[in-house]
N, C-alpha and C. Protein backbone atom coordinates (compact mmCIF):
# COMPACT_ATOMS: atom_id res chain seq x y z
N UNK A 1 24.45 -104.42 -23.27
CA UNK A 1 24.07 -103.27 -23.70
C UNK A 1 24.05 -102.48 -22.88
N UNK A 2 25.18 -101.15 -22.63
CA UNK A 2 24.91 -100.45 -21.71
C UNK A 2 25.22 -98.84 -22.90
N UNK A 3 24.55 -97.83 -22.26
CA UNK A 3 24.25 -96.65 -22.98
C UNK A 3 25.71 -96.03 -21.96
N UNK A 4 26.50 -95.29 -22.60
CA UNK A 4 27.81 -94.67 -22.06
C UNK A 4 27.32 -93.24 -22.77
N UNK A 5 27.59 -92.21 -21.93
CA UNK A 5 26.95 -90.95 -22.38
C UNK A 5 27.90 -89.78 -22.06
N UNK A 6 28.62 -88.94 -22.79
CA UNK A 6 29.53 -87.73 -22.30
C UNK A 6 29.08 -86.93 -23.55
N UNK A 7 29.26 -85.27 -23.63
CA UNK A 7 29.40 -84.32 -23.94
C UNK A 7 30.75 -83.84 -24.13
N UNK A 8 31.20 -82.44 -25.23
CA UNK A 8 32.23 -81.64 -24.89
C UNK A 8 33.57 -81.97 -25.27
N UNK A 9 33.55 -83.21 -25.69
CA UNK A 9 35.11 -83.35 -25.80
C UNK A 9 35.90 -82.26 -26.00
N UNK A 10 35.75 -81.76 -27.45
CA UNK A 10 36.50 -80.82 -28.33
C UNK A 10 37.60 -81.07 -28.75
N UNK A 11 37.61 -82.40 -28.98
CA UNK A 11 38.84 -83.02 -29.94
C UNK A 11 39.39 -81.84 -30.77
N UNK A 12 40.29 -81.68 -31.03
CA UNK A 12 41.30 -80.89 -31.96
C UNK A 12 40.89 -79.23 -31.16
N UNK A 13 41.00 -79.05 -30.12
CA UNK A 13 40.63 -77.85 -29.53
C UNK A 13 41.10 -77.24 -28.53
N UNK A 14 42.93 -76.48 -28.90
CA UNK A 14 43.78 -76.61 -28.32
C UNK A 14 43.75 -75.08 -27.35
N UNK A 15 42.70 -74.25 -27.34
CA UNK A 15 42.00 -73.21 -26.41
C UNK A 15 41.62 -73.83 -25.27
N UNK A 16 40.72 -74.91 -25.47
CA UNK A 16 40.22 -75.72 -24.43
C UNK A 16 40.81 -75.85 -22.83
N UNK A 17 41.78 -76.31 -23.36
CA UNK A 17 42.55 -76.29 -22.29
C UNK A 17 42.90 -75.45 -21.19
N UNK A 18 43.32 -74.35 -21.77
CA UNK A 18 43.10 -72.93 -20.57
C UNK A 18 42.01 -72.57 -20.65
N UNK A 19 40.75 -72.61 -21.32
CA UNK A 19 39.89 -72.40 -21.41
C UNK A 19 38.96 -72.84 -20.09
N UNK A 20 39.27 -73.95 -19.70
CA UNK A 20 38.46 -74.73 -19.08
C UNK A 20 39.27 -75.57 -17.97
N UNK A 21 40.69 -75.25 -17.93
CA UNK A 21 41.79 -75.63 -17.06
C UNK A 21 41.84 -76.81 -16.91
N UNK A 22 41.79 -77.51 -18.06
CA UNK A 22 41.99 -78.90 -17.98
C UNK A 22 43.00 -79.42 -18.01
N UNK A 23 43.63 -80.54 -17.12
CA UNK A 23 44.73 -80.65 -16.86
C UNK A 23 46.00 -81.79 -18.00
N UNK A 24 46.26 -81.09 -19.14
CA UNK A 24 46.41 -81.62 -20.45
C UNK A 24 47.68 -80.74 -20.59
N UNK A 25 48.96 -81.55 -21.42
CA UNK A 25 50.07 -80.77 -21.91
C UNK A 25 50.09 -80.14 -23.30
N UNK A 26 48.92 -80.63 -23.38
CA UNK A 26 48.86 -80.72 -25.39
C UNK A 26 47.38 -80.75 -25.83
N UNK A 27 47.35 -80.73 -27.27
CA UNK A 27 46.01 -81.36 -27.23
C UNK A 27 46.10 -82.58 -27.48
N UNK A 28 47.36 -82.83 -27.88
CA UNK A 28 47.51 -84.58 -28.32
C UNK A 28 47.37 -85.40 -27.32
N UNK A 29 47.84 -84.84 -25.77
CA UNK A 29 47.58 -85.84 -25.32
C UNK A 29 46.33 -85.61 -24.14
N UNK A 30 45.84 -84.49 -24.50
CA UNK A 30 43.92 -84.21 -23.97
C UNK A 30 43.33 -85.39 -25.01
N UNK A 31 43.97 -85.83 -26.67
CA UNK A 31 42.88 -86.35 -26.86
C UNK A 31 43.17 -88.03 -26.74
N UNK A 32 44.69 -87.87 -26.63
CA UNK A 32 44.66 -89.61 -25.88
C UNK A 32 44.17 -89.88 -25.05
N UNK A 33 44.16 -89.45 -23.93
CA UNK A 33 43.57 -89.32 -22.51
C UNK A 33 41.74 -89.30 -22.79
N UNK A 34 41.35 -88.85 -23.55
CA UNK A 34 39.91 -88.93 -23.95
C UNK A 34 39.71 -90.09 -24.71
N UNK A 35 40.00 -90.63 -25.61
CA UNK A 35 40.27 -91.37 -26.32
C UNK A 35 40.40 -92.81 -25.76
N UNK A 36 41.28 -93.16 -24.70
CA UNK A 36 41.86 -93.97 -23.76
C UNK A 36 40.69 -94.30 -22.66
N UNK A 37 40.48 -92.91 -22.08
CA UNK A 37 38.86 -93.20 -20.78
C UNK A 37 38.16 -93.66 -21.98
N UNK A 38 37.51 -93.49 -23.55
CA UNK A 38 36.48 -94.01 -23.73
C UNK A 38 36.36 -95.56 -24.16
N UNK A 39 37.52 -95.56 -24.38
CA UNK A 39 38.07 -97.20 -24.87
C UNK A 39 38.14 -98.27 -23.70
N UNK A 40 38.41 -97.84 -22.18
CA UNK A 40 38.27 -98.21 -21.35
C UNK A 40 36.83 -98.50 -20.57
N UNK A 41 35.86 -97.65 -20.91
CA UNK A 41 34.60 -97.79 -20.83
C UNK A 41 33.94 -98.72 -21.35
N UNK A 42 33.77 -97.65 -22.70
CA UNK A 42 32.77 -98.64 -23.92
C UNK A 42 33.37 -99.36 -24.30
N UNK A 43 31.94 -100.70 -23.84
CA UNK A 43 32.36 -102.07 -24.74
C UNK A 43 31.79 -102.32 -26.12
N UNK A 44 32.42 -102.93 -26.41
CA UNK A 44 32.01 -103.26 -28.23
C UNK A 44 30.44 -103.46 -28.32
N UNK A 45 29.24 -103.65 -27.50
CA UNK A 45 28.32 -103.91 -27.99
C UNK A 45 27.62 -103.15 -27.18
N UNK A 46 27.94 -102.12 -26.76
CA UNK A 46 27.48 -100.91 -26.05
C UNK A 46 27.45 -99.65 -26.95
N UNK A 47 26.41 -98.55 -26.52
CA UNK A 47 25.46 -97.45 -26.93
C UNK A 47 27.08 -96.17 -26.83
N UNK A 48 27.38 -95.16 -27.66
CA UNK A 48 27.89 -94.29 -26.95
C UNK A 48 27.25 -92.96 -26.87
N UNK A 49 26.79 -91.80 -26.37
CA UNK A 49 25.99 -90.93 -26.50
C UNK A 49 27.17 -89.90 -26.49
N UNK A 50 27.30 -88.98 -27.81
CA UNK A 50 27.42 -87.83 -27.19
C UNK A 50 26.95 -86.51 -27.58
N UNK A 51 26.67 -85.91 -26.34
CA UNK A 51 25.46 -84.91 -26.38
C UNK A 51 26.48 -83.42 -27.09
N UNK A 52 27.08 -83.73 -27.95
CA UNK A 52 27.52 -82.46 -28.27
C UNK A 52 28.59 -81.63 -28.46
N UNK A 53 29.57 -81.31 -29.46
CA UNK A 53 30.70 -80.40 -29.54
C UNK A 53 31.73 -81.85 -29.72
N UNK A 54 31.52 -82.30 -30.27
CA UNK A 54 33.12 -83.59 -30.31
C UNK A 54 34.06 -83.26 -31.13
N UNK A 55 34.16 -81.90 -32.07
CA UNK A 55 35.74 -81.48 -32.33
C UNK A 55 35.45 -79.87 -32.43
N UNK A 56 36.27 -79.22 -32.62
CA UNK A 56 36.85 -77.92 -32.68
C UNK A 56 38.40 -77.17 -33.43
N UNK A 57 37.90 -76.33 -34.13
CA UNK A 57 39.39 -75.80 -34.77
C UNK A 57 39.70 -76.42 -36.18
N UNK A 58 40.99 -76.29 -36.74
CA UNK A 58 40.55 -76.17 -37.93
C UNK A 58 40.86 -77.36 -38.43
N UNK A 59 41.58 -78.88 -37.68
CA UNK A 59 41.33 -80.26 -38.00
C UNK A 59 40.22 -80.23 -38.29
N UNK A 60 39.15 -80.21 -37.56
CA UNK A 60 37.15 -80.27 -37.79
C UNK A 60 37.39 -80.28 -39.30
N UNK A 61 37.97 -79.65 -39.61
CA UNK A 61 37.53 -78.87 -41.69
C UNK A 61 38.29 -80.41 -42.32
N UNK A 62 39.21 -81.57 -41.46
CA UNK A 62 39.71 -82.26 -42.51
C UNK A 62 39.19 -83.57 -42.11
N UNK A 63 38.24 -84.06 -43.69
CA UNK A 63 37.66 -85.37 -44.02
C UNK A 63 38.24 -86.28 -42.87
N UNK A 64 39.62 -86.50 -43.72
CA UNK A 64 40.82 -87.82 -43.05
C UNK A 64 40.99 -87.50 -42.18
N UNK A 65 41.31 -86.59 -41.14
CA UNK A 65 41.78 -86.74 -39.58
C UNK A 65 40.20 -87.05 -38.97
N UNK A 66 38.72 -86.47 -38.93
CA UNK A 66 37.54 -87.05 -38.29
C UNK A 66 37.00 -88.50 -38.82
N UNK A 67 37.63 -88.83 -40.07
CA UNK A 67 37.26 -90.20 -40.45
C UNK A 67 37.73 -90.71 -39.39
N UNK A 68 39.56 -90.54 -38.98
CA UNK A 68 40.03 -91.71 -38.22
C UNK A 68 40.14 -91.65 -36.99
N UNK A 69 39.32 -90.40 -36.26
CA UNK A 69 38.73 -89.97 -35.36
C UNK A 69 37.51 -90.64 -35.05
N UNK A 70 36.47 -90.71 -35.80
CA UNK A 70 35.14 -91.07 -35.73
C UNK A 70 35.63 -93.22 -35.77
N UNK A 71 36.87 -93.18 -36.13
CA UNK A 71 37.19 -94.74 -36.27
C UNK A 71 37.87 -95.27 -34.88
N UNK A 72 38.30 -94.51 -33.94
CA UNK A 72 38.81 -94.54 -32.84
C UNK A 72 37.57 -94.48 -31.78
N UNK A 73 36.41 -94.08 -31.78
CA UNK A 73 35.81 -93.93 -30.98
C UNK A 73 34.93 -95.58 -30.51
N UNK A 74 34.78 -95.82 -29.42
CA UNK A 74 34.14 -96.95 -29.60
C UNK A 74 32.66 -97.23 -29.38
N UNK A 75 32.52 -98.94 -29.02
CA UNK A 75 31.05 -98.79 -29.11
C UNK A 75 30.23 -100.12 -30.36
N UNK A 76 29.27 -99.90 -30.23
CA UNK A 76 28.68 -100.55 -31.07
C UNK A 76 27.60 -100.03 -32.28
N UNK A 77 27.04 -98.66 -31.62
CA UNK A 77 26.46 -98.11 -32.11
C UNK A 77 26.90 -96.01 -31.64
N UNK A 78 27.15 -95.56 -32.65
CA UNK A 78 27.55 -94.06 -31.88
C UNK A 78 26.63 -92.83 -32.39
N UNK A 79 26.00 -92.22 -31.39
CA UNK A 79 24.92 -91.32 -31.63
C UNK A 79 25.26 -89.91 -31.32
N UNK A 80 25.29 -89.11 -31.89
CA UNK A 80 25.14 -87.48 -31.98
C UNK A 80 24.37 -86.77 -31.47
N UNK A 81 24.09 -86.18 -30.68
CA UNK A 81 23.24 -85.41 -29.92
C UNK A 81 24.00 -83.57 -30.26
N UNK A 82 23.76 -83.20 -31.70
CA UNK A 82 24.07 -81.95 -32.11
C UNK A 82 24.24 -80.83 -31.06
N UNK A 83 25.57 -80.56 -30.82
CA UNK A 83 26.09 -78.84 -30.38
C UNK A 83 26.27 -77.87 -31.37
N UNK A 84 26.66 -76.68 -30.67
CA UNK A 84 27.00 -75.57 -31.31
C UNK A 84 27.88 -75.65 -32.40
N UNK A 85 29.28 -76.83 -31.98
CA UNK A 85 30.44 -76.88 -32.70
C UNK A 85 29.97 -77.66 -33.66
N UNK A 86 29.22 -78.58 -34.04
CA UNK A 86 29.15 -79.66 -34.41
C UNK A 86 28.43 -79.47 -36.27
N UNK A 87 29.38 -79.15 -36.91
CA UNK A 87 29.28 -78.69 -37.93
C UNK A 87 29.23 -79.53 -39.55
N UNK A 88 29.29 -79.21 -40.67
CA UNK A 88 28.67 -80.26 -41.68
C UNK A 88 29.01 -81.50 -41.57
N UNK A 89 30.58 -81.48 -41.61
CA UNK A 89 31.46 -82.84 -42.17
C UNK A 89 30.94 -83.61 -40.77
N UNK A 90 31.17 -82.94 -39.45
CA UNK A 90 31.00 -83.82 -38.05
C UNK A 90 29.46 -84.97 -38.45
N UNK A 91 28.76 -83.71 -38.98
CA UNK A 91 27.24 -84.60 -39.17
C UNK A 91 27.10 -85.21 -40.22
N UNK A 92 28.22 -85.32 -40.96
CA UNK A 92 28.04 -86.46 -42.36
C UNK A 92 28.92 -87.53 -41.76
N UNK A 93 29.06 -87.91 -40.48
CA UNK A 93 29.93 -89.06 -40.08
C UNK A 93 29.33 -89.78 -40.03
N UNK A 94 29.78 -91.69 -40.11
CA UNK A 94 28.48 -92.32 -40.16
C UNK A 94 27.69 -92.85 -38.48
N UNK A 95 27.42 -92.01 -38.17
CA UNK A 95 26.52 -92.12 -36.74
C UNK A 95 25.43 -92.79 -36.78
N UNK A 96 25.49 -93.24 -36.23
CA UNK A 96 23.75 -94.15 -36.07
C UNK A 96 22.96 -93.20 -36.11
N UNK A 97 22.88 -92.08 -35.27
CA UNK A 97 21.83 -91.38 -34.97
C UNK A 97 22.33 -89.96 -35.16
N UNK A 98 21.93 -88.91 -35.25
CA UNK A 98 22.66 -87.60 -35.40
C UNK A 98 20.91 -86.74 -34.92
N UNK A 99 21.07 -86.08 -34.21
CA UNK A 99 19.54 -85.20 -33.51
C UNK A 99 20.09 -84.07 -32.97
N UNK A 100 19.09 -83.25 -32.65
CA UNK A 100 19.30 -81.84 -31.83
C UNK A 100 18.63 -82.14 -30.34
N UNK A 101 17.71 -83.41 -30.44
CA UNK A 101 17.57 -83.74 -29.06
C UNK A 101 17.06 -84.90 -29.28
N UNK A 102 17.32 -86.47 -28.31
CA UNK A 102 16.82 -87.27 -28.12
C UNK A 102 16.18 -88.09 -26.87
N UNK A 103 15.33 -88.91 -26.92
CA UNK A 103 14.70 -89.49 -25.65
C UNK A 103 15.18 -91.09 -25.86
N UNK A 104 15.78 -91.44 -24.48
CA UNK A 104 16.72 -92.48 -24.47
C UNK A 104 16.05 -93.37 -23.32
N UNK A 105 15.50 -94.97 -23.75
CA UNK A 105 15.43 -95.61 -22.14
C UNK A 105 16.14 -96.02 -21.75
N UNK A 106 16.78 -95.94 -20.32
CA UNK A 106 17.68 -96.22 -20.06
C UNK A 106 17.43 -96.64 -18.16
N UNK A 107 17.96 -96.72 -17.50
CA UNK A 107 18.10 -97.15 -16.16
C UNK A 107 16.98 -98.31 -15.62
N UNK A 108 17.14 -98.26 -14.01
CA UNK A 108 16.40 -99.31 -13.47
C UNK A 108 15.03 -99.60 -13.86
N UNK A 109 14.13 -98.30 -14.15
CA UNK A 109 13.11 -98.06 -14.49
C UNK A 109 12.74 -98.37 -15.94
N UNK A 110 13.79 -98.70 -16.62
CA UNK A 110 13.88 -98.26 -18.25
C UNK A 110 12.92 -97.26 -18.72
N UNK A 111 12.84 -96.29 -18.31
CA UNK A 111 11.73 -95.17 -18.77
C UNK A 111 13.21 -94.09 -19.23
N UNK A 112 12.16 -93.53 -20.49
CA UNK A 112 12.55 -92.31 -21.23
C UNK A 112 13.58 -90.81 -20.65
N UNK A 113 14.54 -90.85 -20.63
CA UNK A 113 15.21 -89.87 -20.20
C UNK A 113 15.37 -88.86 -21.68
N UNK A 114 15.99 -87.45 -21.46
CA UNK A 114 15.73 -86.31 -22.74
C UNK A 114 17.69 -85.88 -22.53
N UNK A 115 18.10 -86.14 -23.50
CA UNK A 115 19.34 -85.77 -24.04
C UNK A 115 19.21 -84.29 -24.59
N UNK A 116 19.96 -83.10 -24.60
CA UNK A 116 20.03 -82.25 -25.37
C UNK A 116 21.49 -81.70 -25.30
N UNK A 117 22.59 -80.79 -26.15
CA UNK A 117 23.55 -80.37 -25.60
C UNK A 117 23.45 -79.41 -24.63
N UNK A 118 22.44 -78.83 -24.83
CA UNK A 118 22.20 -77.45 -24.04
C UNK A 118 21.25 -77.86 -22.73
N UNK A 119 21.47 -76.98 -21.47
CA UNK A 119 20.46 -77.53 -20.49
C UNK A 119 19.12 -76.73 -20.54
N UNK A 120 18.34 -77.75 -19.70
CA UNK A 120 16.97 -77.36 -20.12
C UNK A 120 16.21 -77.26 -18.95
N UNK A 121 15.45 -76.00 -18.97
CA UNK A 121 14.29 -75.87 -17.41
C UNK A 121 13.33 -77.15 -16.99
N UNK A 122 12.96 -77.65 -18.04
CA UNK A 122 12.15 -78.73 -18.04
C UNK A 122 12.36 -79.92 -19.44
N UNK A 123 11.36 -80.67 -19.17
CA UNK A 123 11.62 -81.84 -20.40
C UNK A 123 10.51 -82.85 -20.28
N UNK A 124 10.51 -83.63 -20.97
CA UNK A 124 9.21 -84.99 -21.42
C UNK A 124 9.66 -85.49 -19.69
N UNK A 125 8.05 -85.57 -19.12
CA UNK A 125 8.05 -86.86 -18.37
C UNK A 125 9.07 -86.06 -17.03
N UNK A 126 9.16 -84.79 -16.70
CA UNK A 126 10.47 -84.47 -15.62
C UNK A 126 9.55 -84.96 -14.58
N UNK A 127 7.97 -85.00 -14.39
CA UNK A 127 7.94 -85.30 -12.97
C UNK A 127 7.75 -86.04 -12.80
N UNK A 128 8.10 -87.42 -13.72
CA UNK A 128 8.06 -88.69 -13.46
C UNK A 128 9.28 -89.19 -13.02
N UNK A 129 10.44 -88.43 -12.99
CA UNK A 129 11.50 -88.41 -12.35
C UNK A 129 12.44 -88.93 -13.17
N UNK A 130 11.92 -88.08 -14.86
CA UNK A 130 12.86 -88.46 -15.76
C UNK A 130 14.21 -87.33 -15.89
N UNK A 131 15.04 -88.00 -16.13
CA UNK A 131 16.10 -87.22 -16.18
C UNK A 131 16.60 -86.09 -17.39
N UNK A 132 17.03 -85.15 -17.64
CA UNK A 132 17.41 -84.72 -18.95
C UNK A 132 19.29 -84.31 -18.72
N UNK A 133 20.08 -84.43 -19.37
CA UNK A 133 21.36 -84.92 -19.61
C UNK A 133 21.69 -83.65 -20.50
N UNK A 134 22.94 -82.80 -20.24
CA UNK A 134 23.01 -82.11 -21.48
C UNK A 134 25.09 -81.74 -20.76
N UNK A 135 25.42 -80.61 -21.79
CA UNK A 135 26.46 -80.16 -22.05
C UNK A 135 26.55 -78.93 -22.05
N UNK A 136 27.57 -78.69 -22.84
CA UNK A 136 27.31 -76.97 -23.36
C UNK A 136 28.40 -76.03 -22.23
N UNK A 137 27.94 -76.44 -20.82
CA UNK A 137 28.51 -75.15 -20.08
C UNK A 137 29.72 -74.99 -19.61
N UNK A 138 29.97 -76.76 -19.88
CA UNK A 138 31.41 -77.35 -19.80
C UNK A 138 31.74 -76.95 -17.82
N UNK A 139 32.34 -76.38 -17.30
CA UNK A 139 32.65 -76.63 -15.82
C UNK A 139 32.03 -75.86 -15.30
N UNK A 140 31.08 -75.30 -15.93
CA UNK A 140 30.41 -73.82 -15.05
C UNK A 140 29.03 -74.32 -14.33
N UNK A 141 28.58 -75.49 -14.69
CA UNK A 141 27.20 -75.67 -13.86
C UNK A 141 27.16 -77.27 -13.73
N UNK A 142 27.11 -77.91 -13.01
CA UNK A 142 26.83 -79.11 -12.82
C UNK A 142 25.53 -79.50 -12.99
N UNK A 143 24.40 -78.67 -12.78
CA UNK A 143 23.14 -78.63 -13.40
C UNK A 143 22.42 -78.95 -11.73
N UNK A 144 21.15 -79.27 -11.90
CA UNK A 144 20.31 -79.30 -10.07
C UNK A 144 19.34 -80.84 -10.61
N UNK A 145 18.82 -80.83 -9.66
CA UNK A 145 18.30 -82.36 -9.31
C UNK A 145 17.47 -82.67 -10.64
N UNK A 146 17.94 -83.95 -10.83
CA UNK A 146 17.62 -84.55 -12.25
C UNK A 146 17.75 -84.23 -13.67
N UNK A 147 18.36 -82.90 -13.40
CA UNK A 147 19.01 -82.30 -14.77
C UNK A 147 20.87 -82.04 -15.02
N UNK A 148 21.13 -83.30 -15.42
CA UNK A 148 22.65 -83.66 -15.02
C UNK A 148 23.81 -83.25 -16.47
N UNK A 149 24.32 -82.41 -16.03
CA UNK A 149 25.82 -82.09 -16.68
C UNK A 149 26.74 -83.41 -17.41
N UNK A 150 26.37 -83.86 -17.95
CA UNK A 150 27.52 -85.33 -18.39
C UNK A 150 29.02 -84.89 -19.27
N UNK A 151 29.08 -83.43 -19.34
CA UNK A 151 30.70 -83.07 -19.80
C UNK A 151 31.84 -83.50 -19.53
N UNK A 152 32.50 -83.94 -20.30
CA UNK A 152 34.18 -84.28 -19.90
C UNK A 152 34.71 -83.60 -18.78
N UNK A 153 34.58 -81.96 -18.47
CA UNK A 153 35.04 -81.76 -17.11
C UNK A 153 34.32 -81.44 -16.16
N UNK A 154 33.56 -82.23 -15.92
CA UNK A 154 32.98 -82.80 -14.56
C UNK A 154 32.86 -84.27 -14.58
N UNK A 155 33.34 -84.99 -15.21
CA UNK A 155 33.43 -86.52 -15.10
C UNK A 155 34.85 -86.92 -15.21
N UNK A 156 35.68 -86.37 -15.01
CA UNK A 156 37.06 -86.83 -14.97
C UNK A 156 37.79 -87.63 -16.56
N UNK A 157 37.07 -86.57 -17.46
CA UNK A 157 37.15 -86.84 -19.29
C UNK A 157 37.13 -87.79 -19.05
N UNK A 158 35.87 -88.29 -18.61
CA UNK A 158 35.15 -90.06 -18.85
C UNK A 158 33.92 -90.00 -19.39
N UNK A 159 33.25 -91.23 -20.10
CA UNK A 159 31.92 -91.06 -20.29
C UNK A 159 31.20 -91.73 -19.01
N UNK A 160 29.74 -91.75 -19.04
CA UNK A 160 29.48 -92.32 -17.34
C UNK A 160 28.32 -93.17 -18.06
N UNK A 161 27.46 -93.44 -16.93
CA UNK A 161 26.44 -94.34 -16.98
C UNK A 161 25.48 -93.91 -16.33
N UNK A 162 24.27 -94.01 -16.66
CA UNK A 162 22.99 -93.38 -16.15
C UNK A 162 22.96 -93.48 -15.06
N UNK A 163 23.22 -95.18 -13.86
CA UNK A 163 23.40 -95.04 -12.85
C UNK A 163 24.09 -93.92 -12.08
N UNK A 164 24.96 -93.38 -12.78
CA UNK A 164 26.30 -92.19 -12.29
C UNK A 164 25.58 -91.24 -12.44
N UNK A 165 24.94 -91.05 -13.60
CA UNK A 165 24.21 -89.73 -13.66
C UNK A 165 23.01 -89.26 -12.75
N UNK A 166 22.04 -90.31 -12.29
CA UNK A 166 20.98 -89.85 -11.94
C UNK A 166 21.29 -90.16 -10.54
N UNK A 167 23.03 -90.73 -9.73
CA UNK A 167 22.76 -90.60 -8.33
C UNK A 167 23.74 -88.85 -8.00
N UNK A 168 24.32 -88.63 -9.32
CA UNK A 168 24.86 -87.23 -8.98
C UNK A 168 23.63 -85.99 -9.35
N UNK A 169 22.56 -86.32 -9.60
CA UNK A 169 21.50 -85.80 -9.67
C UNK A 169 20.53 -85.75 -8.32
N UNK A 170 20.24 -86.62 -7.63
CA UNK A 170 19.96 -86.94 -6.26
C UNK A 170 20.69 -85.82 -5.56
N UNK A 171 21.95 -86.22 -5.46
CA UNK A 171 22.67 -85.16 -4.75
C UNK A 171 22.75 -83.65 -5.05
N UNK A 172 22.15 -83.03 -6.22
CA UNK A 172 22.02 -81.34 -6.86
C UNK A 172 21.12 -81.03 -6.13
N UNK A 173 21.10 -79.60 -6.09
CA UNK A 173 20.26 -79.13 -5.41
C UNK A 173 18.56 -78.69 -6.44
N UNK A 174 17.00 -78.68 -5.77
CA UNK A 174 15.92 -78.56 -6.81
C UNK A 174 16.27 -77.59 -7.19
N UNK A 175 16.44 -77.44 -8.86
CA UNK A 175 16.02 -76.05 -9.38
C UNK A 175 15.20 -74.73 -8.61
N UNK A 176 15.54 -73.44 -8.72
CA UNK A 176 14.57 -72.47 -7.64
C UNK A 176 12.97 -72.71 -8.71
N UNK A 177 13.37 -73.23 -10.01
CA UNK A 177 12.21 -72.68 -10.77
C UNK A 177 12.01 -73.46 -10.93
N UNK A 178 11.81 -74.52 -10.17
CA UNK A 178 11.04 -76.08 -10.57
C UNK A 178 9.64 -76.06 -10.43
N UNK A 179 9.45 -75.11 -9.31
CA UNK A 179 7.58 -75.19 -8.55
C UNK A 179 7.10 -74.28 -9.60
N UNK A 180 7.53 -73.26 -10.41
CA UNK A 180 7.17 -72.39 -10.94
C UNK A 180 6.93 -72.71 -12.29
N UNK A 181 7.58 -73.85 -12.83
CA UNK A 181 7.32 -74.55 -14.12
C UNK A 181 6.59 -76.37 -14.23
N UNK A 182 7.09 -76.71 -13.51
CA UNK A 182 6.28 -77.72 -12.93
C UNK A 182 5.78 -78.10 -11.61
N UNK A 183 4.51 -77.33 -11.96
CA UNK A 183 3.82 -77.38 -10.33
C UNK A 183 2.96 -78.70 -10.15
N UNK A 184 2.68 -79.30 -9.19
CA UNK A 184 2.68 -80.45 -8.39
C UNK A 184 0.57 -80.29 -8.30
């Protein structure tokens, strides 16, 4: 079993193509690419963590469309860490968990890491190398050391595993606020 992480797919959101300069011809093209990428990565025994903003737009109000989309999401278990666009119908889908904040054990040390739609300045076990994963800011900011944006706009529209996230985090600069919020 592998945990896969992603954020901000914005299924159904036509304007996101322009707003984030996504390389798609249409919403249908974007949706098919996102689903193809999810299905190519996430196995039948894996867990899929979506860190907010699954859908946006008029179709997000259609139960039939949402049920169909949810049925196409791969994985044994599907988890939603809620974002600002996740409304009542999205929350009522048959997720295994729905929460605004989660701690997940992953990585070579099997330690707890923090998941939230929004980036955080500090988090539980931050001084013990716990990684904070977020979305919300799309392609505006990749994050900083151990606080990594897992949004589709920065990961070629694919979900990612912990090892890739940790490697990217290690290459990012340390937050200029780190010494003030996490003094040693």
